[in-house]
């Protein structure tokens, strides 16, 4: 539990930096942590309120580039796509209460099931 408290603080700080590369790294960490072993996703559900509070701000942040082509989705650098992927992984692996907790923190999220 003490180890998770350290990770929780680090991930929370990373998500609140407003620096896209750091936020993307934190999202990648959450995805990999959730998928690393059975039961980890459910163990993260109590921490959703701390971890997901800032994602609502970036979920709707889109780059308006007009007619140009944005390759950030292809490169894996698109913030809203990375957030949606993370939320879907958290929902799929978080057990029966995951969706309710995600929806509470990110009201615009729609279930992937």
N, C-alpha and C. Protein backbone atom coordinates (compact mmCIF):
# COMPACT_ATOMS: atom_id res chain seq x y z
N UNK A 1 0.82 -1.20 0.00
CA UNK A 1 0.00 0.00 0.00
C UNK A 1 0.87 1.26 0.00
N UNK A 2 1.98 1.22 0.72
CA UNK A 2 2.88 2.37 0.75
C UNK A 2 3.49 2.61 -0.62
N UNK A 3 3.81 1.52 -1.32
CA UNK A 3 4.37 1.65 -2.66
C UNK A 3 3.36 2.32 -3.59
N UNK A 4 2.08 1.89 -3.51
CA UNK A 4 1.07 2.50 -4.37
C UNK A 4 0.89 3.98 -4.03
N UNK A 5 0.97 4.34 -2.75
CA UNK A 5 0.83 5.75 -2.37
C UNK A 5 1.90 6.60 -3.05
N UNK A 6 3.10 6.07 -3.18
CA UNK A 6 4.17 6.78 -3.88
C UNK A 6 3.85 6.90 -5.36
N UNK A 7 3.40 5.81 -5.98
CA UNK A 7 3.04 5.84 -7.40
C UNK A 7 1.85 6.75 -7.64
N UNK A 8 0.89 6.68 -6.74
CA UNK A 8 -0.31 7.51 -6.86
C UNK A 8 0.07 8.99 -6.88
N UNK A 9 0.92 9.40 -5.96
CA UNK A 9 1.36 10.80 -5.94
C UNK A 9 2.09 11.17 -7.22
N UNK A 10 2.97 10.29 -7.68
CA UNK A 10 3.74 10.57 -8.89
C UNK A 10 2.85 10.67 -10.12
N UNK A 11 1.92 9.75 -10.26
CA UNK A 11 1.02 9.76 -11.42
C UNK A 11 0.10 10.98 -11.36
N UNK A 12 -0.41 11.28 -10.17
CA UNK A 12 -1.29 12.44 -10.02
C UNK A 12 -0.56 13.74 -10.38
N UNK A 13 0.68 13.88 -9.91
CA UNK A 13 1.47 15.06 -10.24
C UNK A 13 1.72 15.12 -11.74
N UNK A 14 2.05 13.98 -12.34
CA UNK A 14 2.30 13.93 -13.79
C UNK A 14 1.06 14.34 -14.58
N UNK A 15 -0.11 13.91 -14.13
CA UNK A 15 -1.35 14.23 -14.85
C UNK A 15 -1.73 15.71 -14.70
N UNK A 16 -1.25 16.37 -13.66
CA UNK A 16 -1.61 17.77 -13.45
C UNK A 16 -0.56 18.75 -13.96
N UNK A 17 0.45 18.27 -14.67
CA UNK A 17 1.51 19.16 -15.15
C UNK A 17 1.08 20.03 -16.33
N UNK A 18 0.06 19.63 -17.04
CA UNK A 18 -0.38 20.31 -18.28
C UNK A 18 0.66 20.22 -19.39
N UNK A 19 1.62 19.33 -19.25
CA UNK A 19 2.62 19.11 -20.29
C UNK A 19 2.23 17.82 -21.03
N UNK A 20 1.89 17.92 -22.32
CA UNK A 20 1.34 16.76 -23.04
C UNK A 20 2.21 15.50 -22.98
N UNK A 21 3.53 15.63 -23.13
CA UNK A 21 4.39 14.45 -23.12
C UNK A 21 4.36 13.74 -21.77
N UNK A 22 4.33 14.51 -20.70
CA UNK A 22 4.31 13.93 -19.36
C UNK A 22 2.97 13.26 -19.09
N UNK A 23 1.89 13.91 -19.53
CA UNK A 23 0.55 13.33 -19.34
C UNK A 23 0.43 12.04 -20.15
N UNK A 24 0.93 12.03 -21.38
CA UNK A 24 0.88 10.82 -22.20
C UNK A 24 1.69 9.69 -21.56
N UNK A 25 2.84 10.01 -20.96
CA UNK A 25 3.64 8.99 -20.26
C UNK A 25 2.88 8.44 -19.06
N UNK A 26 2.19 9.31 -18.32
CA UNK A 26 1.41 8.86 -17.16
C UNK A 26 0.25 7.98 -17.61
N UNK A 27 -0.39 8.32 -18.71
CA UNK A 27 -1.49 7.50 -19.24
C UNK A 27 -0.97 6.14 -19.69
N UNK A 28 0.19 6.12 -20.32
CA UNK A 28 0.80 4.85 -20.74
C UNK A 28 1.11 4.00 -19.52
N UNK A 29 1.62 4.61 -18.47
CA UNK A 29 1.89 3.89 -17.23
C UNK A 29 0.62 3.28 -16.66
N UNK A 30 -0.46 4.06 -16.62
CA UNK A 30 -1.73 3.54 -16.09
C UNK A 30 -2.25 2.36 -16.92
N UNK A 31 -2.14 2.48 -18.25
CA UNK A 31 -2.59 1.39 -19.12
C UNK A 31 -1.77 0.13 -18.87
N UNK A 32 -0.45 0.27 -18.84
CA UNK A 32 0.41 -0.89 -18.64
C UNK A 32 0.24 -1.49 -17.25
N UNK A 33 0.09 -0.65 -16.24
CA UNK A 33 -0.12 -1.13 -14.88
C UNK A 33 -1.43 -1.92 -14.79
N UNK A 34 -2.47 -1.41 -15.42
CA UNK A 34 -3.78 -2.07 -15.39
C UNK A 34 -3.73 -3.43 -16.08
N UNK A 35 -2.98 -3.52 -17.17
CA UNK A 35 -2.94 -4.75 -17.95
C UNK A 35 -1.87 -5.74 -17.49
N UNK A 36 -1.01 -5.35 -16.55
CA UNK A 36 0.14 -6.19 -16.19
C UNK A 36 -0.25 -7.47 -15.48
N UNK A 37 -1.35 -7.47 -14.75
CA UNK A 37 -1.71 -8.66 -13.99
C UNK A 37 -3.21 -8.62 -13.67
N UNK A 38 -3.78 -9.79 -13.54
CA UNK A 38 -5.20 -9.89 -13.22
C UNK A 38 -5.46 -9.29 -11.83
N UNK A 39 -6.48 -8.47 -11.71
CA UNK A 39 -6.84 -7.89 -10.42
C UNK A 39 -6.30 -6.50 -10.18
N UNK A 40 -5.32 -6.08 -10.96
CA UNK A 40 -4.75 -4.74 -10.76
C UNK A 40 -5.77 -3.68 -11.11
N UNK A 41 -6.52 -3.90 -12.18
CA UNK A 41 -7.54 -2.94 -12.59
C UNK A 41 -8.57 -2.69 -11.49
N UNK A 42 -9.03 -3.76 -10.86
CA UNK A 42 -10.00 -3.61 -9.77
C UNK A 42 -9.38 -2.92 -8.56
N UNK A 43 -8.11 -3.17 -8.32
CA UNK A 43 -7.43 -2.53 -7.19
C UNK A 43 -7.27 -1.03 -7.39
N UNK A 44 -7.30 -0.57 -8.64
CA UNK A 44 -7.15 0.86 -8.93
C UNK A 44 -8.45 1.64 -8.78
N UNK A 45 -9.59 0.98 -8.79
CA UNK A 45 -10.88 1.67 -8.76
C UNK A 45 -10.99 2.67 -7.60
N UNK A 46 -10.57 2.34 -6.38
CA UNK A 46 -10.67 3.33 -5.29
C UNK A 46 -9.85 4.60 -5.53
N UNK A 47 -8.89 4.54 -6.43
CA UNK A 47 -8.02 5.68 -6.70
C UNK A 47 -8.47 6.50 -7.91
N UNK A 48 -9.56 6.10 -8.56
CA UNK A 48 -10.03 6.80 -9.75
C UNK A 48 -10.27 8.29 -9.49
N UNK A 49 -10.81 8.62 -8.34
CA UNK A 49 -11.13 10.03 -8.08
C UNK A 49 -9.88 10.89 -8.07
N UNK A 50 -8.77 10.37 -7.55
CA UNK A 50 -7.53 11.13 -7.55
C UNK A 50 -6.89 11.16 -8.94
N UNK A 51 -6.98 10.04 -9.66
CA UNK A 51 -6.27 9.92 -10.92
C UNK A 51 -7.02 10.52 -12.11
N UNK A 52 -8.33 10.43 -12.11
CA UNK A 52 -9.09 10.81 -13.30
C UNK A 52 -9.63 12.23 -13.27
N UNK A 53 -9.45 12.93 -12.17
CA UNK A 53 -10.06 14.25 -12.04
C UNK A 53 -9.58 15.23 -13.11
N UNK A 54 -8.33 15.14 -13.50
CA UNK A 54 -7.79 16.09 -14.46
C UNK A 54 -8.06 15.68 -15.92
N UNK A 55 -8.38 14.43 -16.16
CA UNK A 55 -8.57 13.96 -17.54
C UNK A 55 -9.75 14.62 -18.23
N UNK A 56 -10.74 15.01 -17.47
CA UNK A 56 -11.90 15.68 -18.03
C UNK A 56 -11.52 16.96 -18.76
N UNK A 57 -10.49 17.63 -18.27
CA UNK A 57 -10.04 18.88 -18.90
C UNK A 57 -9.44 18.65 -20.27
N UNK A 58 -8.74 17.52 -20.44
CA UNK A 58 -8.02 17.27 -21.68
C UNK A 58 -8.79 16.42 -22.68
N UNK A 59 -9.86 15.79 -22.23
CA UNK A 59 -10.60 14.89 -23.11
C UNK A 59 -11.18 15.62 -24.31
N UNK A 60 -11.65 16.81 -24.12
CA UNK A 60 -12.27 17.56 -25.21
C UNK A 60 -11.29 18.49 -25.93
N UNK A 61 -10.05 18.46 -25.52
CA UNK A 61 -9.04 19.33 -26.14
C UNK A 61 -8.63 18.75 -27.49
N UNK A 62 -9.03 19.42 -28.52
CA UNK A 62 -8.72 18.97 -29.88
C UNK A 62 -7.89 20.04 -30.58
N UNK A 63 -7.05 19.59 -31.47
CA UNK A 63 -6.23 20.51 -32.24
C UNK A 63 -6.97 20.93 -33.50
N UNK A 64 -7.18 22.23 -33.69
CA UNK A 64 -7.84 22.73 -34.88
C UNK A 64 -6.76 23.14 -35.87
N UNK A 65 -6.57 22.33 -36.90
CA UNK A 65 -5.52 22.62 -37.88
C UNK A 65 -6.10 22.87 -39.27
N UNK A 66 -7.40 23.05 -39.32
CA UNK A 66 -8.05 23.34 -40.61
C UNK A 66 -8.00 22.15 -41.54
N UNK A 67 -7.51 22.37 -42.75
CA UNK A 67 -7.45 21.32 -43.76
C UNK A 67 -6.20 20.47 -43.69
N UNK A 68 -5.29 20.82 -42.82
CA UNK A 68 -4.03 20.08 -42.71
C UNK A 68 -4.27 18.69 -42.10
N UNK A 69 -3.26 17.86 -42.18
CA UNK A 69 -3.34 16.52 -41.63
C UNK A 69 -2.57 16.48 -40.32
N UNK A 70 -3.21 15.94 -39.29
CA UNK A 70 -2.57 15.82 -37.99
C UNK A 70 -2.17 14.36 -37.80
N UNK A 71 -0.88 14.12 -37.69
CA UNK A 71 -0.38 12.76 -37.57
C UNK A 71 -0.22 12.32 -36.11
N UNK A 72 -0.71 13.11 -35.17
CA UNK A 72 -0.51 12.77 -33.76
C UNK A 72 -1.21 11.47 -33.37
N UNK A 73 -2.37 11.17 -33.97
CA UNK A 73 -3.05 9.90 -33.66
C UNK A 73 -2.20 8.73 -34.13
N UNK A 74 -1.62 8.87 -35.30
CA UNK A 74 -0.78 7.81 -35.85
C UNK A 74 0.45 7.59 -34.98
N UNK A 75 1.01 8.67 -34.48
CA UNK A 75 2.22 8.60 -33.65
C UNK A 75 1.91 8.27 -32.20
N UNK A 76 0.64 8.27 -31.83
CA UNK A 76 0.27 7.99 -30.45
C UNK A 76 0.39 9.19 -29.55
N UNK A 77 0.38 10.39 -30.13
CA UNK A 77 0.53 11.62 -29.36
C UNK A 77 -0.75 12.41 -29.21
N UNK A 78 -1.87 11.86 -29.61
CA UNK A 78 -3.13 12.57 -29.51
C UNK A 78 -3.70 12.40 -28.11
N UNK A 79 -3.84 13.50 -27.39
CA UNK A 79 -4.23 13.47 -25.99
C UNK A 79 -5.61 12.84 -25.79
N UNK A 80 -6.62 13.28 -26.53
CA UNK A 80 -7.96 12.76 -26.30
C UNK A 80 -8.07 11.28 -26.67
N UNK A 81 -7.35 10.83 -27.68
CA UNK A 81 -7.36 9.41 -28.03
C UNK A 81 -6.69 8.60 -26.93
N UNK A 82 -5.58 9.07 -26.41
CA UNK A 82 -4.89 8.36 -25.33
C UNK A 82 -5.74 8.30 -24.07
N UNK A 83 -6.46 9.37 -23.78
CA UNK A 83 -7.34 9.38 -22.60
C UNK A 83 -8.46 8.37 -22.78
N UNK A 84 -9.08 8.35 -23.96
CA UNK A 84 -10.17 7.40 -24.21
C UNK A 84 -9.68 5.95 -24.13
N UNK A 85 -8.50 5.68 -24.69
CA UNK A 85 -7.94 4.33 -24.60
C UNK A 85 -7.71 3.93 -23.14
N UNK A 86 -7.17 4.85 -22.36
CA UNK A 86 -6.91 4.58 -20.95
C UNK A 86 -8.21 4.32 -20.20
N UNK A 87 -9.21 5.16 -20.43
CA UNK A 87 -10.50 4.98 -19.75
C UNK A 87 -11.15 3.65 -20.12
N UNK A 88 -11.04 3.27 -21.39
CA UNK A 88 -11.63 2.00 -21.83
C UNK A 88 -10.92 0.82 -21.17
N UNK A 89 -9.59 0.88 -21.06
CA UNK A 89 -8.84 -0.19 -20.40
C UNK A 89 -9.20 -0.25 -18.93
N UNK A 90 -9.31 0.91 -18.30
CA UNK A 90 -9.70 0.94 -16.89
C UNK A 90 -11.09 0.37 -16.69
N UNK A 91 -12.01 0.68 -17.60
CA UNK A 91 -13.37 0.16 -17.48
C UNK A 91 -13.41 -1.36 -17.69
N UNK A 92 -12.72 -1.85 -18.71
CA UNK A 92 -12.74 -3.28 -19.02
C UNK A 92 -12.11 -4.12 -17.91
N UNK A 93 -11.11 -3.56 -17.24
CA UNK A 93 -10.37 -4.33 -16.25
C UNK A 93 -10.68 -3.94 -14.81
N UNK A 94 -11.58 -2.98 -14.62
CA UNK A 94 -11.85 -2.47 -13.28
C UNK A 94 -12.99 -3.11 -12.54
N UNK A 95 -13.61 -4.09 -13.12
CA UNK A 95 -14.70 -4.77 -12.42
C UNK A 95 -16.03 -4.05 -12.57
N UNK A 96 -17.02 -4.47 -11.79
CA UNK A 96 -18.39 -3.96 -11.97
C UNK A 96 -18.58 -2.49 -11.59
N UNK A 97 -17.74 -1.93 -10.74
CA UNK A 97 -17.90 -0.54 -10.31
C UNK A 97 -17.06 0.45 -11.11
N UNK A 98 -16.29 -0.03 -12.05
CA UNK A 98 -15.38 0.84 -12.78
C UNK A 98 -16.12 1.91 -13.59
N UNK A 99 -17.13 1.50 -14.35
CA UNK A 99 -17.83 2.46 -15.20
C UNK A 99 -18.47 3.57 -14.39
N UNK A 100 -19.11 3.22 -13.29
CA UNK A 100 -19.79 4.22 -12.46
C UNK A 100 -18.79 5.25 -11.94
N UNK A 101 -17.62 4.77 -11.50
CA UNK A 101 -16.60 5.67 -10.98
C UNK A 101 -15.98 6.53 -12.07
N UNK A 102 -15.77 5.95 -13.25
CA UNK A 102 -15.24 6.73 -14.37
C UNK A 102 -16.26 7.79 -14.80
N UNK A 103 -17.51 7.39 -14.92
CA UNK A 103 -18.57 8.32 -15.34
C UNK A 103 -18.72 9.47 -14.36
N UNK A 104 -18.51 9.22 -13.08
CA UNK A 104 -18.60 10.27 -12.07
C UNK A 104 -17.50 11.31 -12.27
N UNK A 105 -16.30 10.86 -12.62
CA UNK A 105 -15.18 11.79 -12.79
C UNK A 105 -15.11 12.39 -14.19
N UNK A 106 -15.57 11.64 -15.19
CA UNK A 106 -15.54 12.11 -16.58
C UNK A 106 -16.95 11.94 -17.15
N UNK A 107 -17.83 12.93 -16.89
CA UNK A 107 -19.25 12.80 -17.26
C UNK A 107 -19.52 12.55 -18.74
N UNK A 108 -18.63 12.94 -19.63
CA UNK A 108 -18.86 12.75 -21.06
C UNK A 108 -18.46 11.36 -21.53
N UNK A 109 -17.88 10.54 -20.66
CA UNK A 109 -17.44 9.21 -21.05
C UNK A 109 -18.63 8.30 -21.29
N UNK A 110 -18.59 7.55 -22.38
CA UNK A 110 -19.61 6.55 -22.71
C UNK A 110 -18.98 5.18 -22.61
N UNK A 111 -19.71 4.23 -22.10
CA UNK A 111 -19.19 2.88 -21.89
C UNK A 111 -18.71 2.25 -23.20
N UNK A 112 -17.64 1.49 -23.08
CA UNK A 112 -17.10 0.79 -24.25
C UNK A 112 -17.71 -0.60 -24.40
N UNK A 113 -18.59 -0.97 -23.50
CA UNK A 113 -19.21 -2.31 -23.54
C UNK A 113 -20.54 -2.28 -24.21
